[in-house]
């Protein structure tokens, strides 16, 4: 089985920074894309940032220039450095990984972390 464990959420004031981390563990053969999504109450889950195994990144327009995603392939870890946080960044942040299980190389599967709360006060 596979687990994605997130850490680093919390309560901060607007303008401050937070760093989220997520580590994937289990019977993993290979990970393609890793990313962060967020979901605020009453809203749909949305992509914040993603990074593929080659290091190419993609960001939501609302976080470009403020957030930076990075990845350590050897450790199956993805990080999200969030600077200049705004109250509208308040949400539950979810880690995501698209990966192959060691026992089934025929397909890529989508896995999610349990979510970590980020609250930005004004």
C-alpha atoms as a PDB file:
ATOM      1  CA  UNK A   1       0.000   0.000   0.000  1.00  0.00           C
ATOM      2  CA  UNK A   2       1.018   3.618  -0.462  1.00  0.00           C
ATOM      3  CA  UNK A   3       0.886   6.511   1.978  1.00  0.00           C
ATOM      4  CA  UNK A   4       1.371  10.220   1.377  1.00  0.00           C
ATOM      5  CA  UNK A   5       2.103  12.038   4.624  1.00  0.00           C
ATOM      6  CA  UNK A   6       1.959  15.828   4.716  1.00  0.00           C
ATOM      7  CA  UNK A   7       3.393  18.237   7.241  1.00  0.00           C
ATOM      8  CA  UNK A   8       3.955  21.945   7.689  1.00  0.00           C
ATOM      9  CA  UNK A   9       0.508  23.493   7.789  1.00  0.00           C
ATOM     10  CA  UNK A  10      -0.570  25.978  10.419  1.00  0.00           C
ATOM     11  CA  UNK A  11      -1.756  29.480  11.223  1.00  0.00           C
ATOM     12  CA  UNK A  12       0.222  32.478   9.982  1.00  0.00           C
ATOM     13  CA  UNK A  13      -0.302  36.180   9.441  1.00  0.00           C
ATOM     14  CA  UNK A  14      -0.662  37.636   5.979  1.00  0.00           C
ATOM     15  CA  UNK A  15       2.677  38.297   4.354  1.00  0.00           C
ATOM     16  CA  UNK A  16       4.450  35.488   6.177  1.00  0.00           C
ATOM     17  CA  UNK A  17       5.693  32.150   4.877  1.00  0.00           C
ATOM     18  CA  UNK A  18       5.005  28.458   5.358  1.00  0.00           C
ATOM     19  CA  UNK A  19       6.622  25.350   3.925  1.00  0.00           C
ATOM     20  CA  UNK A  20       4.641  22.198   3.249  1.00  0.00           C
ATOM     21  CA  UNK A  21       6.276  18.814   2.815  1.00  0.00           C
ATOM     22  CA  UNK A  22       4.916  15.489   1.631  1.00  0.00           C
ATOM     23  CA  UNK A  23       6.613  12.105   1.575  1.00  0.00           C
ATOM     24  CA  UNK A  24       5.319   9.097  -0.312  1.00  0.00           C
ATOM     25  CA  UNK A  25       6.083   5.654   1.064  1.00  0.00           C
ATOM     26  CA  UNK A  26       5.139   2.061   0.380  1.00  0.00           C
ATOM     27  CA  UNK A  27       5.448  -0.309  -2.546  1.00  0.00           C
ATOM     28  CA  UNK A  28       6.353   2.373  -5.074  1.00  0.00           C
ATOM     29  CA  UNK A  29       8.190   1.581  -8.291  1.00  0.00           C
ATOM     30  CA  UNK A  30       8.146   5.002  -9.895  1.00  0.00           C
ATOM     31  CA  UNK A  31       6.543   8.407  -9.378  1.00  0.00           C
ATOM     32  CA  UNK A  32       5.625  10.617 -12.302  1.00  0.00           C
ATOM     33  CA  UNK A  33       4.007  13.853 -11.227  1.00  0.00           C
ATOM     34  CA  UNK A  34       3.710  15.152  -7.680  1.00  0.00           C
ATOM     35  CA  UNK A  35       1.736  18.177  -6.699  1.00  0.00           C
ATOM     36  CA  UNK A  36      -0.287  20.207  -4.267  1.00  0.00           C
ATOM     37  CA  UNK A  37      -3.979  20.945  -4.457  1.00  0.00           C
ATOM     38  CA  UNK A  38      -6.186  22.940  -2.133  1.00  0.00           C
ATOM     39  CA  UNK A  39      -9.827  23.000  -1.231  1.00  0.00           C
ATOM     40  CA  UNK A  40     -11.599  25.735   0.695  1.00  0.00           C
ATOM     41  CA  UNK A  41     -15.033  25.200   2.272  1.00  0.00           C
ATOM     42  CA  UNK A  42     -17.743  25.202  -0.361  1.00  0.00           C
ATOM     43  CA  UNK A  43     -15.275  25.269  -3.222  1.00  0.00           C
ATOM     44  CA  UNK A  44     -13.862  22.696  -5.607  1.00  0.00           C
ATOM     45  CA  UNK A  45     -10.400  21.282  -5.155  1.00  0.00           C
ATOM     46  CA  UNK A  46      -7.945  23.179  -7.314  1.00  0.00           C
ATOM     47  CA  UNK A  47      -4.389  22.676  -8.475  1.00  0.00           C
ATOM     48  CA  UNK A  48      -1.845  24.855  -6.702  1.00  0.00           C
ATOM     49  CA  UNK A  49       1.386  23.544  -8.225  1.00  0.00           C
ATOM     50  CA  UNK A  50       2.776  20.390  -9.757  1.00  0.00           C
ATOM     51  CA  UNK A  51       6.173  19.039 -10.751  1.00  0.00           C
ATOM     52  CA  UNK A  52       7.034  16.064 -12.909  1.00  0.00           C
ATOM     53  CA  UNK A  53       9.917  13.642 -12.583  1.00  0.00           C
ATOM     54  CA  UNK A  54      12.021  15.789 -14.906  1.00  0.00           C
ATOM     55  CA  UNK A  55      11.527  18.888 -12.810  1.00  0.00           C
ATOM     56  CA  UNK A  56       9.060  20.758 -15.011  1.00  0.00           C
ATOM     57  CA  UNK A  57       6.652  22.813 -12.934  1.00  0.00           C
ATOM     58  CA  UNK A  58       3.169  24.208 -13.293  1.00  0.00           C
ATOM     59  CA  UNK A  59       1.521  26.820 -11.063  1.00  0.00           C
ATOM     60  CA  UNK A  60      -1.916  28.263 -10.607  1.00  0.00           C
ATOM     61  CA  UNK A  61      -1.975  31.901 -11.699  1.00  0.00           C
ATOM     62  CA  UNK A  62      -2.987  32.966  -8.200  1.00  0.00           C
ATOM     63  CA  UNK A  63       0.266  31.681  -6.659  1.00  0.00           C
ATOM     64  CA  UNK A  64       2.814  32.406  -9.392  1.00  0.00           C
ATOM     65  CA  UNK A  65       5.737  34.372  -8.026  1.00  0.00           C
ATOM     66  CA  UNK A  66       4.832  33.565  -4.422  1.00  0.00           C
ATOM     67  CA  UNK A  67       4.917  29.755  -4.192  1.00  0.00           C
ATOM     68  CA  UNK A  68       7.714  27.416  -5.236  1.00  0.00           C
ATOM     69  CA  UNK A  69       7.382  23.669  -5.632  1.00  0.00           C
ATOM     70  CA  UNK A  70      10.392  21.389  -5.399  1.00  0.00           C
ATOM     71  CA  UNK A  71      11.024  17.690  -5.318  1.00  0.00           C
ATOM     72  CA  UNK A  72      13.550  15.152  -4.082  1.00  0.00           C
ATOM     73  CA  UNK A  73      13.147  12.085  -6.281  1.00  0.00           C
ATOM     74  CA  UNK A  74      15.468   9.964  -4.149  1.00  0.00           C
ATOM     75  CA  UNK A  75      13.309  10.576  -1.075  1.00  0.00           C
ATOM     76  CA  UNK A  76       9.907  10.592  -2.847  1.00  0.00           C
ATOM     77  CA  UNK A  77       9.320  14.003  -1.309  1.00  0.00           C
ATOM     78  CA  UNK A  78       7.647  17.131  -2.643  1.00  0.00           C
ATOM     79  CA  UNK A  79       7.773  20.511  -0.955  1.00  0.00           C
ATOM     80  CA  UNK A  80       5.804  23.717  -1.358  1.00  0.00           C
ATOM     81  CA  UNK A  81       7.401  26.943  -0.188  1.00  0.00           C
ATOM     82  CA  UNK A  82       4.674  29.513   0.273  1.00  0.00           C
ATOM     83  CA  UNK A  83       5.743  33.142   0.618  1.00  0.00           C
ATOM     84  CA  UNK A  84       3.763  36.363   0.882  1.00  0.00           C
ATOM     85  CA  UNK A  85       0.723  34.432   2.038  1.00  0.00           C
ATOM     86  CA  UNK A  86      -2.687  36.020   1.669  1.00  0.00           C
ATOM     87  CA  UNK A  87      -5.948  35.329   3.525  1.00  0.00           C
ATOM     88  CA  UNK A  88      -7.350  33.884   0.296  1.00  0.00           C
ATOM     89  CA  UNK A  89      -4.682  31.156   0.485  1.00  0.00           C
ATOM     90  CA  UNK A  90      -6.528  29.752   3.501  1.00  0.00           C
ATOM     91  CA  UNK A  91      -7.502  26.198   2.660  1.00  0.00           C
ATOM     92  CA  UNK A  92      -6.827  22.525   3.236  1.00  0.00           C
ATOM     93  CA  UNK A  93      -3.806  21.577   1.150  1.00  0.00           C
ATOM     94  CA  UNK A  94      -3.550  18.079  -0.283  1.00  0.00           C
ATOM     95  CA  UNK A  95      -0.497  16.308  -1.624  1.00  0.00           C
ATOM     96  CA  UNK A  96      -0.949  14.272  -4.788  1.00  0.00           C
ATOM     97  CA  UNK A  97       1.231  11.711  -6.564  1.00  0.00           C
ATOM     98  CA  UNK A  98       0.806   9.794  -9.795  1.00  0.00           C
ATOM     99  CA  UNK A  99       2.795   6.612  -9.431  1.00  0.00           C
ATOM    100  CA  UNK A 100       3.370   3.001 -10.371  1.00  0.00           C
ATOM    101  CA  UNK A 101       3.133   0.309  -7.728  1.00  0.00           C
ATOM    102  CA  UNK A 102       5.938  -2.238  -7.553  1.00  0.00           C
ATOM    103  CA  UNK A 103       3.470  -5.039  -8.084  1.00  0.00           C
ATOM    104  CA  UNK A 104       1.685  -3.510 -11.069  1.00  0.00           C
ATOM    105  CA  UNK A 105       3.711  -1.692 -13.700  1.00  0.00           C
ATOM    106  CA  UNK A 106       0.856  -1.728 -16.203  1.00  0.00           C
ATOM    107  CA  UNK A 107      -0.757   1.421 -14.927  1.00  0.00           C
ATOM    108  CA  UNK A 108      -0.287   4.744 -13.202  1.00  0.00           C
ATOM    109  CA  UNK A 109      -2.424   5.384 -10.132  1.00  0.00           C
ATOM    110  CA  UNK A 110      -3.438   8.593  -8.374  1.00  0.00           C
ATOM    111  CA  UNK A 111      -2.854   8.922  -4.613  1.00  0.00           C
ATOM    112  CA  UNK A 112      -3.744  11.650  -2.116  1.00  0.00           C
ATOM    113  CA  UNK A 113      -2.533  12.699   1.290  1.00  0.00           C
ATOM    114  CA  UNK A 114      -4.906  13.334   4.178  1.00  0.00           C
ATOM    115  CA  UNK A 115      -4.645  17.114   3.891  1.00  0.00           C
ATOM    116  CA  UNK A 116      -3.106  19.808   6.042  1.00  0.00           C
ATOM    117  CA  UNK A 117      -4.812  23.041   7.084  1.00  0.00           C
ATOM    118  CA  UNK A 118      -3.269  26.373   6.159  1.00  0.00           C
ATOM    119  CA  UNK A 119      -4.889  29.435   7.715  1.00  0.00           C
ATOM    120  CA  UNK A 120      -3.732  32.956   6.883  1.00  0.00           C
ATOM    121  CA  UNK A 121      -5.024  35.748   9.089  1.00  0.00           C
ATOM    122  CA  UNK A 122      -5.329  39.332   7.937  1.00  0.00           C
END
